Each structure stands twice: as C-alpha cells, then as structure tokens.
Amino acid sequence: MKTVVLAAALATLGLAAPALADEAATAAAPAAKFSLDTPIETLVADNGAKAVIEADLPGLTNHPQYDQFKGMSLTVLSSFAPDRLTPERLAKVKDDLAKLK
C-alpha cells in the first residue's frame, strides 16, 4: 500500500519510476473475483456470489440435478440449457458478480 501511495505521489510530480507506476496501475484495477467461467460450486460457496445466483437464476441451486452440474461454469452449462441461460440472463449475472467486493 505504501508503494502505491508513493507511486501516486511521484506520478503527480511527473517522477514515477516505471516499476512503481506498473504496480500502482495493477493495484488500481483488481480483476473481478468471479466470472461466468467460475465453477458454480465455487460461486455458491461464497455468500455474495450465491445471493447473485439465487436472485438472477432462481432455482438453480436447488435443481434436482445440481450435483451433476455444480462443477461446471455457467458458460458451459448454458450450452445445455440455452433457453434458460440466455445471453441476457448471463450478462445480468456477470454484471452482478462484477459488483461484488
């Protein structure tokens, strides 16, 4: 954290060293914690992600065949149920997962 603050201070003065600037840029834009390619069981293990799944895809976590597809990602599962996991629904899940901290 101190390095990020130092890099930001030096950058405002036009003195940022490339290594410090790269570290500051990386720290400023963290990758999303979850995506549509994350296994469903991993999503469900996180309270926030599980709430997104249950809100955006009701019934998925208590589907009778859940144990058979929980290791798949939503991207993979959508190929088996394109009428239920539409691009629009998946886009909503993706957006909501990206909002999680």
PDB file of N, CA and C in Angstrom:
ATOM      1  N   MET A   1       0.820  -1.184   0.000  1.00  0.00           N
ATOM      2  CA  MET A   1       0.000   0.000   0.000  1.00  0.00           C
ATOM      3  C   MET A   1       0.858   1.239   0.000  1.00  0.00           C
ATOM      4  N   LYS A   2       1.929   1.247   0.777  1.00  0.00           N
ATOM      5  CA  LYS A   2       2.817   2.408   0.808  1.00  0.00           C
ATOM      6  C   LYS A   2       3.420   2.656  -0.563  1.00  0.00           C
ATOM      7  N   THR A   3       3.739   1.568  -1.274  1.00  0.00           N
ATOM      8  CA  THR A   3       4.317   1.703  -2.607  1.00  0.00           C
ATOM      9  C   THR A   3       3.329   2.356  -3.557  1.00  0.00           C
ATOM     10  N   VAL A   4       2.055   1.990  -3.448  1.00  0.00           N
ATOM     11  CA  VAL A   4       1.027   2.566  -4.304  1.00  0.00           C
ATOM     12  C   VAL A   4       0.884   4.053  -4.022  1.00  0.00           C
ATOM     13  N   VAL A   5       0.874   4.439  -2.754  1.00  0.00           N
ATOM     14  CA  VAL A   5       0.765   5.840  -2.381  1.00  0.00           C
ATOM     15  C   VAL A   5       1.985   6.603  -2.873  1.00  0.00           C
ATOM     16  N   LEU A   6       3.162   6.032  -2.700  1.00  0.00           N
ATOM     17  CA  LEU A   6       4.389   6.662  -3.159  1.00  0.00           C
ATOM     18  C   LEU A   6       4.367   6.820  -4.673  1.00  0.00           C
ATOM     19  N   ALA A   7       3.974   5.799  -5.380  1.00  0.00           N
ATOM     20  CA  ALA A   7       3.909   5.864  -6.842  1.00  0.00           C
ATOM     21  C   ALA A   7       2.933   6.940  -7.295  1.00  0.00           C
ATOM     22  N   ALA A   8       1.789   7.039  -6.617  1.00  0.00           N
ATOM     23  CA  ALA A   8       0.804   8.058  -6.965  1.00  0.00           C
ATOM     24  C   ALA A   8       1.356   9.454  -6.712  1.00  0.00           C
ATOM     25  N   ALA A   9       2.050   9.638  -5.599  1.00  0.00           N
ATOM     26  CA  ALA A   9       2.637  10.938  -5.270  1.00  0.00           C
ATOM     27  C   ALA A   9       3.704  11.314  -6.284  1.00  0.00           C
ATOM     28  N   LEU A  10       4.558  10.362  -6.643  1.00  0.00           N
ATOM     29  CA  LEU A  10       5.602  10.634  -7.626  1.00  0.00           C
ATOM     30  C   LEU A  10       5.010  10.905  -9.006  1.00  0.00           C
ATOM     31  N   ALA A  11       3.942  10.203  -9.331  1.00  0.00           N
ATOM     32  CA  ALA A  11       3.305  10.388 -10.634  1.00  0.00           C
ATOM     33  C   ALA A  11       2.745  11.792 -10.780  1.00  0.00           C
ATOM     34  N   THR A  12       2.189  12.342  -9.706  1.00  0.00           N
ATOM     35  CA  THR A  12       1.653  13.700  -9.784  1.00  0.00           C
ATOM     36  C   THR A  12       2.754  14.719 -10.012  1.00  0.00           C
ATOM     37  N   LEU A  13       3.969  14.371  -9.646  1.00  0.00           N
ATOM     38  CA  LEU A  13       5.114  15.249  -9.858  1.00  0.00           C
ATOM     39  C   LEU A  13       5.823  14.932 -11.173  1.00  0.00           C
ATOM     40  N   GLY A  14       5.346  13.932 -11.885  1.00  0.00           N
ATOM     41  CA  GLY A  14       5.980  13.523 -13.123  1.00  0.00           C
ATOM     42  C   GLY A  14       7.261  12.757 -12.908  1.00  0.00           C
ATOM     43  N   LEU A  15       7.423  12.146 -11.733  1.00  0.00           N
ATOM     44  CA  LEU A  15       8.659  11.452 -11.379  1.00  0.00           C
ATOM     45  C   LEU A  15       8.485   9.953 -11.176  1.00  0.00           C
ATOM     46  N   ALA A  16       7.371   9.397 -11.571  1.00  0.00           N
ATOM     47  CA  ALA A  16       7.105   7.985 -11.286  1.00  0.00           C
ATOM     48  C   ALA A  16       8.082   7.085 -12.018  1.00  0.00           C
ATOM     49  N   ALA A  17       8.662   6.183 -11.275  1.00  0.00           N
ATOM     50  CA  ALA A  17       9.513   5.155 -11.875  1.00  0.00           C
ATOM     51  C   ALA A  17       8.615   4.140 -12.555  1.00  0.00           C
ATOM     52  N   PRO A  18       8.997   3.582 -13.706  1.00  0.00           N
ATOM     53  CA  PRO A  18       8.138   2.631 -14.412  1.00  0.00           C
ATOM     54  C   PRO A  18       7.675   1.472 -13.547  1.00  0.00           C
ATOM     55  N   ALA A  19       8.543   0.908 -12.724  1.00  0.00           N
ATOM     56  CA  ALA A  19       8.151  -0.236 -11.890  1.00  0.00           C
ATOM     57  C   ALA A  19       7.080   0.178 -10.895  1.00  0.00           C
ATOM     58  N   LEU A  20       7.229   1.348 -10.290  1.00  0.00           N
ATOM     59  CA  LEU A  20       6.229   1.812  -9.337  1.00  0.00           C
ATOM     60  C   LEU A  20       4.926   2.150 -10.043  1.00  0.00           C
ATOM     61  N   ALA A  21       4.991   2.720 -11.210  1.00  0.00           N
ATOM     62  CA  ALA A  21       3.779   3.056 -11.953  1.00  0.00           C
ATOM     63  C   ALA A  21       3.020   1.797 -12.345  1.00  0.00           C
ATOM     64  N   ASP A  22       3.739   0.752 -12.766  1.00  0.00           N
ATOM     65  CA  ASP A  22       3.087  -0.504 -13.116  1.00  0.00           C
ATOM     66  C   ASP A  22       2.393  -1.116 -11.918  1.00  0.00           C
ATOM     67  N   GLU A  23       3.038  -1.088 -10.758  1.00  0.00           N
ATOM     68  CA  GLU A  23       2.433  -1.643  -9.545  1.00  0.00           C
ATOM     69  C   GLU A  23       1.197  -0.848  -9.163  1.00  0.00           C
ATOM     70  N   ALA A  24       1.238   0.461  -9.282  1.00  0.00           N
ATOM     71  CA  ALA A  24       0.094   1.302  -8.943  1.00  0.00           C
ATOM     72  C   ALA A  24      -1.068   1.023  -9.880  1.00  0.00           C
ATOM     73  N   ALA A  25      -0.794   0.850 -11.153  1.00  0.00           N
ATOM     74  CA  ALA A  25      -1.855   0.570 -12.115  1.00  0.00           C
ATOM     75  C   ALA A  25      -2.494  -0.784 -11.838  1.00  0.00           C
ATOM     76  N   THR A  26      -1.693  -1.769 -11.482  1.00  0.00           N
ATOM     77  CA  THR A  26      -2.214  -3.094 -11.170  1.00  0.00           C
ATOM     78  C   THR A  26      -3.084  -3.051  -9.922  1.00  0.00           C
ATOM     79  N   ALA A  27      -2.661  -2.319  -8.915  1.00  0.00           N
ATOM     80  CA  ALA A  27      -3.421  -2.224  -7.677  1.00  0.00           C
ATOM     81  C   ALA A  27      -4.709  -1.448  -7.881  1.00  0.00           C
ATOM     82  N   ALA A  28      -4.735  -0.531  -8.815  1.00  0.00           N
ATOM     83  CA  ALA A  28      -5.916   0.301  -9.032  1.00  0.00           C
ATOM     84  C   ALA A  28      -7.029  -0.448  -9.759  1.00  0.00           C
ATOM     85  N   ALA A  29      -6.711  -1.481 -10.502  1.00  0.00           N
ATOM     86  CA  ALA A  29      -7.707  -2.189 -11.286  1.00  0.00           C
ATOM     87  C   ALA A  29      -7.675  -3.679 -10.983  1.00  0.00           C
ATOM     88  N   PRO A  30      -8.210  -4.089  -9.819  1.00  0.00           N
ATOM     89  CA  PRO A  30      -8.186  -5.519  -9.499  1.00  0.00           C
ATOM     90  C   PRO A  30      -9.108  -6.314 -10.425  1.00  0.00           C
ATOM     91  N   ALA A  31      -8.736  -7.530 -10.677  1.00  0.00           N
ATOM     92  CA  ALA A  31      -9.559  -8.407 -11.504  1.00  0.00           C
ATOM     93  C   ALA A  31     -10.833  -8.768 -10.750  1.00  0.00           C
ATOM     94  N   ALA A  32     -11.866  -9.060 -11.517  1.00  0.00           N
ATOM     95  CA  ALA A  32     -13.125  -9.479 -10.900  1.00  0.00           C
ATOM     96  C   ALA A  32     -12.887 -10.765 -10.121  1.00  0.00           C
ATOM     97  N   LYS A  33     -13.540 -10.854  -8.985  1.00  0.00           N
ATOM     98  CA  LYS A  33     -13.374 -12.020  -8.124  1.00  0.00           C
ATOM     99  C   LYS A  33     -13.990 -13.270  -8.755  1.00  0.00           C
ATOM    100  N   PHE A  34     -15.140 -13.090  -9.392  1.00  0.00           N
ATOM    101  CA  PHE A  34     -15.847 -14.211 -10.010  1.00  0.00           C
ATOM    102  C   PHE A  34     -16.243 -13.856 -11.444  1.00  0.00           C
ATOM    103  N   SER A  35     -16.427 -14.883 -12.254  1.00  0.00           N
ATOM    104  CA  SER A  35     -16.873 -14.676 -13.633  1.00  0.00           C
ATOM    105  C   SER A  35     -17.835 -15.790 -14.017  1.00  0.00           C
ATOM    106  N   LEU A  36     -18.309 -15.740 -15.247  1.00  0.00           N
ATOM    107  CA  LEU A  36     -19.190 -16.791 -15.744  1.00  0.00           C
ATOM    108  C   LEU A  36     -18.436 -18.099 -15.954  1.00  0.00           C
ATOM    109  N   ASP A  37     -17.107 -18.027 -15.918  1.00  0.00           N
ATOM    110  CA  ASP A  37     -16.284 -19.231 -16.079  1.00  0.00           C
ATOM    111  C   ASP A  37     -15.883 -19.862 -14.753  1.00  0.00           C
ATOM    112  N   THR A  38     -16.287 -19.261 -13.653  1.00  0.00           N
ATOM    113  CA  THR A  38     -16.032 -19.818 -12.322  1.00  0.00           C
ATOM    114  C   THR A  38     -16.981 -21.006 -12.114  1.00  0.00           C
ATOM    115  N   PRO A  39     -16.500 -22.119 -11.597  1.00  0.00           N
ATOM    116  CA  PRO A  39     -17.407 -23.248 -11.331  1.00  0.00           C
ATOM    117  C   PRO A  39     -18.570 -22.821 -10.428  1.00  0.00           C
ATOM    118  N   ILE A  40     -19.732 -23.331 -10.716  1.00  0.00           N
ATOM    119  CA  ILE A  40     -20.941 -22.962  -9.974  1.00  0.00           C
ATOM    120  C   ILE A  40     -20.769 -23.257  -8.487  1.00  0.00           C
ATOM    121  N   GLU A  41     -20.158 -24.390  -8.147  1.00  0.00           N
ATOM    122  CA  GLU A  41     -19.990 -24.720  -6.733  1.00  0.00           C
ATOM    123  C   GLU A  41     -19.084 -23.714  -6.023  1.00  0.00           C
ATOM    124  N   THR A  42     -18.147 -23.112  -6.732  1.00  0.00           N
ATOM    125  CA  THR A  42     -17.295 -22.078  -6.151  1.00  0.00           C
ATOM    126  C   THR A  42     -18.103 -20.811  -5.913  1.00  0.00           C
ATOM    127  N   LEU A  43     -18.976 -20.476  -6.845  1.00  0.00           N
ATOM    128  CA  LEU A  43     -19.847 -19.311  -6.680  1.00  0.00           C
ATOM    129  C   LEU A  43     -20.761 -19.497  -5.472  1.00  0.00           C
ATOM    130  N   VAL A  44     -21.343 -20.667  -5.369  1.00  0.00           N
ATOM    131  CA  VAL A  44     -22.305 -20.948  -4.298  1.00  0.00           C
ATOM    132  C   VAL A  44     -21.625 -20.996  -2.929  1.00  0.00           C
ATOM    133  N   ALA A  45     -20.331 -21.283  -2.900  1.00  0.00           N
ATOM    134  CA  ALA A  45     -19.599 -21.326  -1.633  1.00  0.00           C
ATOM    135  C   ALA A  45     -19.373 -19.931  -1.047  1.00  0.00           C
ATOM    136  N   ASP A  46     -19.515 -18.899  -1.872  1.00  0.00           N
ATOM    137  CA  ASP A  46     -19.362 -17.515  -1.421  1.00  0.00           C
ATOM    138  C   ASP A  46     -20.753 -16.914  -1.213  1.00  0.00           C
ATOM    139  N   ASN A  47     -20.999 -16.332  -0.039  1.00  0.00           N
ATOM    140  CA  ASN A  47     -22.329 -15.812   0.270  1.00  0.00           C
ATOM    141  C   ASN A  47     -22.804 -14.763  -0.718  1.00  0.00           C
ATOM    142  N   GLY A  48     -21.930 -13.845  -1.113  1.00  0.00           N
ATOM    143  CA  GLY A  48     -22.319 -12.792  -2.050  1.00  0.00           C
ATOM    144  C   GLY A  48     -22.641 -13.339  -3.424  1.00  0.00           C
ATOM    145  N   ALA A  49     -21.773 -14.215  -3.926  1.00  0.00           N
ATOM    146  CA  ALA A  49     -21.988 -14.806  -5.241  1.00  0.00           C
ATOM    147  C   ALA A  49     -23.227 -15.707  -5.233  1.00  0.00           C
ATOM    148  N   LYS A  50     -23.431 -16.408  -4.136  1.00  0.00           N
ATOM    149  CA  LYS A  50     -24.621 -17.261  -4.031  1.00  0.00           C
ATOM    150  C   LYS A  50     -25.887 -16.415  -4.082  1.00  0.00           C
ATOM    151  N   ALA A  51     -25.868 -15.260  -3.435  1.00  0.00           N
ATOM    152  CA  ALA A  51     -27.030 -14.365  -3.460  1.00  0.00           C
ATOM    153  C   ALA A  51     -27.298 -13.882  -4.891  1.00  0.00           C
ATOM    154  N   VAL A  52     -26.245 -13.612  -5.646  1.00  0.00           N
ATOM    155  CA  VAL A  52     -26.404 -13.208  -7.048  1.00  0.00           C
ATOM    156  C   VAL A  52     -27.038 -14.342  -7.843  1.00  0.00           C
ATOM    157  N   ILE A  53     -26.515 -15.543  -7.683  1.00  0.00           N
ATOM    158  CA  ILE A  53     -27.046 -16.705  -8.414  1.00  0.00           C
ATOM    159  C   ILE A  53     -28.516 -16.931  -8.071  1.00  0.00           C
ATOM    160  N   GLU A  54     -28.830 -16.886  -6.789  1.00  0.00           N
ATOM    161  CA  GLU A  54     -30.214 -17.136  -6.384  1.00  0.00           C
ATOM    162  C   GLU A  54     -31.158 -16.040  -6.852  1.00  0.00           C
ATOM    163  N   ALA A  55     -30.673 -14.797  -6.925  1.00  0.00           N
ATOM    164  CA  ALA A  55     -31.522 -13.693  -7.391  1.00  0.00           C
ATOM    165  C   ALA A  55     -31.691 -13.712  -8.913  1.00  0.00           C
ATOM    166  N   ASP A  56     -30.596 -13.947  -9.616  1.00  0.00           N
ATOM    167  CA  ASP A  56     -30.628 -13.868 -11.077  1.00  0.00           C
ATOM    168  C   ASP A  56     -31.043 -15.172 -11.752  1.00  0.00           C
ATOM    169  N   LEU A  57     -30.797 -16.285 -11.095  1.00  0.00           N
ATOM    170  CA  LEU A  57     -31.128 -17.598 -11.649  1.00  0.00           C
ATOM    171  C   LEU A  57     -31.860 -18.431 -10.597  1.00  0.00           C
ATOM    172  N   PRO A  58     -33.053 -17.998 -10.204  1.00  0.00           N
ATOM    173  CA  PRO A  58     -33.768 -18.711  -9.135  1.00  0.00           C
ATOM    174  C   PRO A  58     -33.992 -20.186  -9.477  1.00  0.00           C
ATOM    175  N   GLY A  59     -33.786 -21.014  -8.484  1.00  0.00           N
ATOM    176  CA  GLY A  59     -33.998 -22.447  -8.643  1.00  0.00           C
ATOM    177  C   GLY A  59     -32.760 -23.219  -9.060  1.00  0.00           C
ATOM    178  N   LEU A  60     -31.700 -22.529  -9.459  1.00  0.00           N
ATOM    179  CA  LEU A  60     -30.509 -23.226  -9.929  1.00  0.00           C
ATOM    180  C   LEU A  60     -29.854 -24.047  -8.824  1.00  0.00           C
ATOM    181  N   THR A  61     -29.720 -23.460  -7.639  1.00  0.00           N
ATOM    182  CA  THR A  61     -29.003 -24.151  -6.560  1.00  0.00           C
ATOM    183  C   THR A  61     -29.793 -25.295  -5.934  1.00  0.00           C
ATOM    184  N   ASN A  62     -31.091 -25.322  -6.157  1.00  0.00           N
ATOM    185  CA  ASN A  62     -31.866 -26.454  -5.619  1.00  0.00           C
ATOM    186  C   ASN A  62     -32.477 -27.302  -6.738  1.00  0.00           C
ATOM    187  N   HIS A  63     -31.889 -27.214  -7.917  1.00  0.00           N
ATOM    188  CA  HIS A  63     -32.313 -28.028  -9.055  1.00  0.00           C
ATOM    189  C   HIS A  63     -32.010 -29.494  -8.739  1.00  0.00           C
ATOM    190  N   PRO A  64     -32.889 -30.413  -9.114  1.00  0.00           N
ATOM    191  CA  PRO A  64     -32.663 -31.836  -8.815  1.00  0.00           C
ATOM    192  C   PRO A  64     -31.338 -32.390  -9.352  1.00  0.00           C
ATOM    193  N   GLN A  65     -30.812 -31.813 -10.411  1.00  0.00           N
ATOM    194  CA  GLN A  65     -29.564 -32.300 -10.998  1.00  0.00           C
ATOM    195  C   GLN A  65     -28.368 -31.416 -10.634  1.00  0.00           C
ATOM    196  N   TYR A  66     -28.511 -30.586  -9.611  1.00  0.00           N
ATOM    197  CA  TYR A  66     -27.448 -29.674  -9.205  1.00  0.00           C
ATOM    198  C   TYR A  66     -26.114 -30.404  -8.995  1.00  0.00           C
ATOM    199  N   ASP A  67     -26.133 -31.545  -8.325  1.00  0.00           N
ATOM    200  CA  ASP A  67     -24.888 -32.286  -8.065  1.00  0.00           C
ATOM    201  C   ASP A  67     -24.184 -32.706  -9.350  1.00  0.00           C
ATOM    202  N   GLN A  68     -24.939 -32.852 -10.428  1.00  0.00           N
ATOM    203  CA  GLN A  68     -24.353 -33.275 -11.697  1.00  0.00           C
ATOM    204  C   GLN A  68     -23.708 -32.120 -12.463  1.00  0.00           C
ATOM    205  N   PHE A  69     -24.171 -30.878 -12.233  1.00  0.00           N
ATOM    206  CA  PHE A  69     -23.616 -29.751 -12.996  1.00  0.00           C
ATOM    207  C   PHE A  69     -22.888 -28.715 -12.145  1.00  0.00           C
ATOM    208  N   LYS A  70     -22.804 -28.897 -10.838  1.00  0.00           N
ATOM    209  CA  LYS A  70     -22.194 -27.884  -9.972  1.00  0.00           C
ATOM    210  C   LYS A  70     -20.713 -27.647 -10.267  1.00  0.00           C
ATOM    211  N   GLY A  71     -20.041 -28.609 -10.853  1.00  0.00           N
ATOM    212  CA  GLY A  71     -18.634 -28.440 -11.210  1.00  0.00           C
ATOM    213  C   GLY A  71     -18.429 -27.674 -12.509  1.00  0.00           C
ATOM    214  N   MET A  72     -19.508 -27.434 -13.235  1.00  0.00           N
ATOM    215  CA  MET A  72     -19.439 -26.685 -14.490  1.00  0.00           C
ATOM    216  C   MET A  72     -19.533 -25.189 -14.215  1.00  0.00           C
ATOM    217  N   SER A  73     -19.106 -24.427 -15.176  1.00  0.00           N
ATOM    218  CA  SER A  73     -19.305 -22.979 -15.105  1.00  0.00           C
ATOM    219  C   SER A  73     -20.658 -22.662 -15.737  1.00  0.00           C
ATOM    220  N   LEU A  74     -21.123 -21.444 -15.523  1.00  0.00           N
ATOM    221  CA  LEU A  74     -22.378 -21.026 -16.154  1.00  0.00           C
ATOM    222  C   LEU A  74     -22.224 -20.973 -17.671  1.00  0.00           C
ATOM    223  N   THR A  75     -21.036 -20.649 -18.136  1.00  0.00           N
ATOM    224  CA  THR A  75     -20.777 -20.628 -19.578  1.00  0.00           C
ATOM    225  C   THR A  75     -20.985 -22.011 -20.173  1.00  0.00           C
ATOM    226  N   VAL A  76     -20.418 -23.017 -19.542  1.00  0.00           N
ATOM    227  CA  VAL A  76     -20.564 -24.392 -20.029  1.00  0.00           C
ATOM    228  C   VAL A  76     -22.008 -24.854 -19.887  1.00  0.00           C
ATOM    229  N   LEU A  77     -22.606 -24.604 -18.742  1.00  0.00           N
ATOM    230  CA  LEU A  77     -23.982 -25.044 -18.501  1.00  0.00           C
ATOM    231  C   LEU A  77     -24.953 -24.410 -19.495  1.00  0.00           C
ATOM    232  N   SER A  78     -24.669 -23.199 -19.928  1.00  0.00           N
ATOM    233  CA  SER A  78     -25.576 -22.524 -20.863  1.00  0.00           C
ATOM    234  C   SER A  78     -25.706 -23.268 -22.186  1.00  0.00           C
ATOM    235  N   SER A  79     -24.691 -24.040 -22.549  1.00  0.00           N
ATOM    236  CA  SER A  79     -24.796 -24.809 -23.793  1.00  0.00           C
ATOM    237  C   SER A  79     -25.792 -25.961 -23.661  1.00  0.00           C
ATOM    238  N   PHE A  80     -26.079 -26.383 -22.429  1.00  0.00           N
ATOM    239  CA  PHE A  80     -27.049 -27.447 -22.193  1.00  0.00           C
ATOM    240  C   PHE A  80     -28.468 -26.911 -21.981  1.00  0.00           C
ATOM    241  N   ALA A  81     -28.562 -25.636 -21.643  1.00  0.00           N
ATOM    242  CA  ALA A  81     -29.874 -25.031 -21.381  1.00  0.00           C
ATOM    243  C   ALA A  81     -29.925 -23.602 -21.946  1.00  0.00           C
ATOM    244  N   PRO A  82     -29.750 -23.466 -23.265  1.00  0.00           N
ATOM    245  CA  PRO A  82     -29.701 -22.122 -23.846  1.00  0.00           C
ATOM    246  C   PRO A  82     -31.013 -21.346 -23.721  1.00  0.00           C
ATOM    247  N   ASP A  83     -32.117 -22.062 -23.563  1.00  0.00           N
ATOM    248  CA  ASP A  83     -33.405 -21.389 -23.403  1.00  0.00           C
ATOM    249  C   ASP A  83     -33.570 -20.792 -22.001  1.00  0.00           C
ATOM    250  N   ARG A  84     -32.865 -21.339 -21.025  1.00  0.00           N
ATOM    251  CA  ARG A  84     -32.952 -20.844 -19.645  1.00  0.00           C
ATOM    252  C   ARG A  84     -31.784 -19.928 -19.285  1.00  0.00           C
ATOM    253  N   LEU A  85     -30.613 -20.234 -19.794  1.00  0.00           N
ATOM    254  CA  LEU A  85     -29.431 -19.418 -19.536  1.00  0.00           C
ATOM    255  C   LEU A  85     -29.122 -18.606 -20.798  1.00  0.00           C
ATOM    256  N   THR A  86     -29.990 -17.656 -21.048  1.00  0.00           N
ATOM    257  CA  THR A  86     -29.883 -16.817 -22.242  1.00  0.00           C
ATOM    258  C   THR A  86     -28.722 -15.834 -22.098  1.00  0.00           C
ATOM    259  N   PRO A  87     -28.248 -15.294 -23.195  1.00  0.00           N
ATOM    260  CA  PRO A  87     -27.184 -14.289 -23.112  1.00  0.00           C
ATOM    261  C   PRO A  87     -27.557 -13.101 -22.215  1.00  0.00           C
ATOM    262  N   GLU A  88     -28.808 -12.713 -22.236  1.00  0.00           N
ATOM    263  CA  GLU A  88     -29.258 -11.603 -21.399  1.00  0.00           C
ATOM    264  C   GLU A  88     -29.179 -11.945 -19.912  1.00  0.00           C
ATOM    265  N   ARG A  89     -29.619 -13.126 -19.558  1.00  0.00           N
ATOM    266  CA  ARG A  89     -29.551 -13.551 -18.148  1.00  0.00           C
ATOM    267  C   ARG A  89     -28.106 -13.700 -17.690  1.00  0.00           C
ATOM    268  N   LEU A  90     -27.262 -14.261 -18.556  1.00  0.00           N
ATOM    269  CA  LEU A  90     -25.856 -14.420 -18.213  1.00  0.00           C
ATOM    270  C   LEU A  90     -25.169 -13.061 -18.085  1.00  0.00           C
ATOM    271  N   ALA A  91     -25.559 -12.110 -18.914  1.00  0.00           N
ATOM    272  CA  ALA A  91     -24.988 -10.762 -18.820  1.00  0.00           C
ATOM    273  C   ALA A  91     -25.354 -10.115 -17.485  1.00  0.00           C
ATOM    274  N   LYS A  92     -26.577 -10.348 -17.030  1.00  0.00           N
ATOM    275  CA  LYS A  92     -27.015  -9.822 -15.725  1.00  0.00           C
ATOM    276  C   LYS A  92     -26.192 -10.445 -14.601  1.00  0.00           C
ATOM    277  N   VAL A  93     -26.013 -11.749 -14.645  1.00  0.00           N
ATOM    278  CA  VAL A  93     -25.195 -12.440 -13.637  1.00  0.00           C
ATOM    279  C   VAL A  93     -23.773 -11.895 -13.665  1.00  0.00           C
ATOM    280  N   LYS A  94     -23.206 -11.764 -14.854  1.00  0.00           N
ATOM    281  CA  LYS A  94     -21.838 -11.256 -14.995  1.00  0.00           C
ATOM    282  C   LYS A  94     -21.713  -9.868 -14.371  1.00  0.00           C
ATOM    283  N   ASP A  95     -22.651  -8.991 -14.671  1.00  0.00           N
ATOM    284  CA  ASP A  95     -22.622  -7.624 -14.119  1.00  0.00           C
ATOM    285  C   ASP A  95     -22.746  -7.647 -12.602  1.00  0.00           C
ATOM    286  N   ASP A  96     -23.646  -8.463 -12.086  1.00  0.00           N
ATOM    287  CA  ASP A  96     -23.848  -8.515 -10.637  1.00  0.00           C
ATOM    288  C   ASP A  96     -22.642  -9.134  -9.918  1.00  0.00           C
ATOM    289  N   LEU A  97     -22.023 -10.129 -10.532  1.00  0.00           N
ATOM    290  CA  LEU A  97     -20.822 -10.727  -9.932  1.00  0.00           C
ATOM    291  C   LEU A  97     -19.670  -9.713  -9.918  1.00  0.00           C
ATOM    292  N   ALA A  98     -19.585  -8.894 -10.942  1.00  0.00           N
ATOM    293  CA  ALA A  98     -18.512  -7.896 -11.026  1.00  0.00           C
ATOM    294  C   ALA A  98     -18.647  -6.837  -9.939  1.00  0.00           C
ATOM    295  N   LYS A  99     -19.849  -6.638  -9.426  1.00  0.00           N
ATOM    296  CA  LYS A  99     -20.082  -5.644  -8.376  1.00  0.00           C
ATOM    297  C   LYS A  99     -19.639  -6.124  -6.993  1.00  0.00           C
ATOM    298  N   LEU A 100     -19.408  -7.426  -6.871  1.00  0.00           N
ATOM    299  CA  LEU A 100     -19.000  -7.975  -5.569  1.00  0.00           C
ATOM    300  C   LEU A 100     -17.591  -7.540  -5.223  1.00  0.00           C
ATOM    301  N   LYS A 101     -17.358  -7.279  -3.969  1.00  0.00           N
ATOM    302  CA  LYS A 101     -16.014  -6.881  -3.491  1.00  0.00           C
ATOM    303  C   LYS A 101     -15.311  -8.078  -2.904  1.00  0.00           C
TER     304      LYS A 101
END
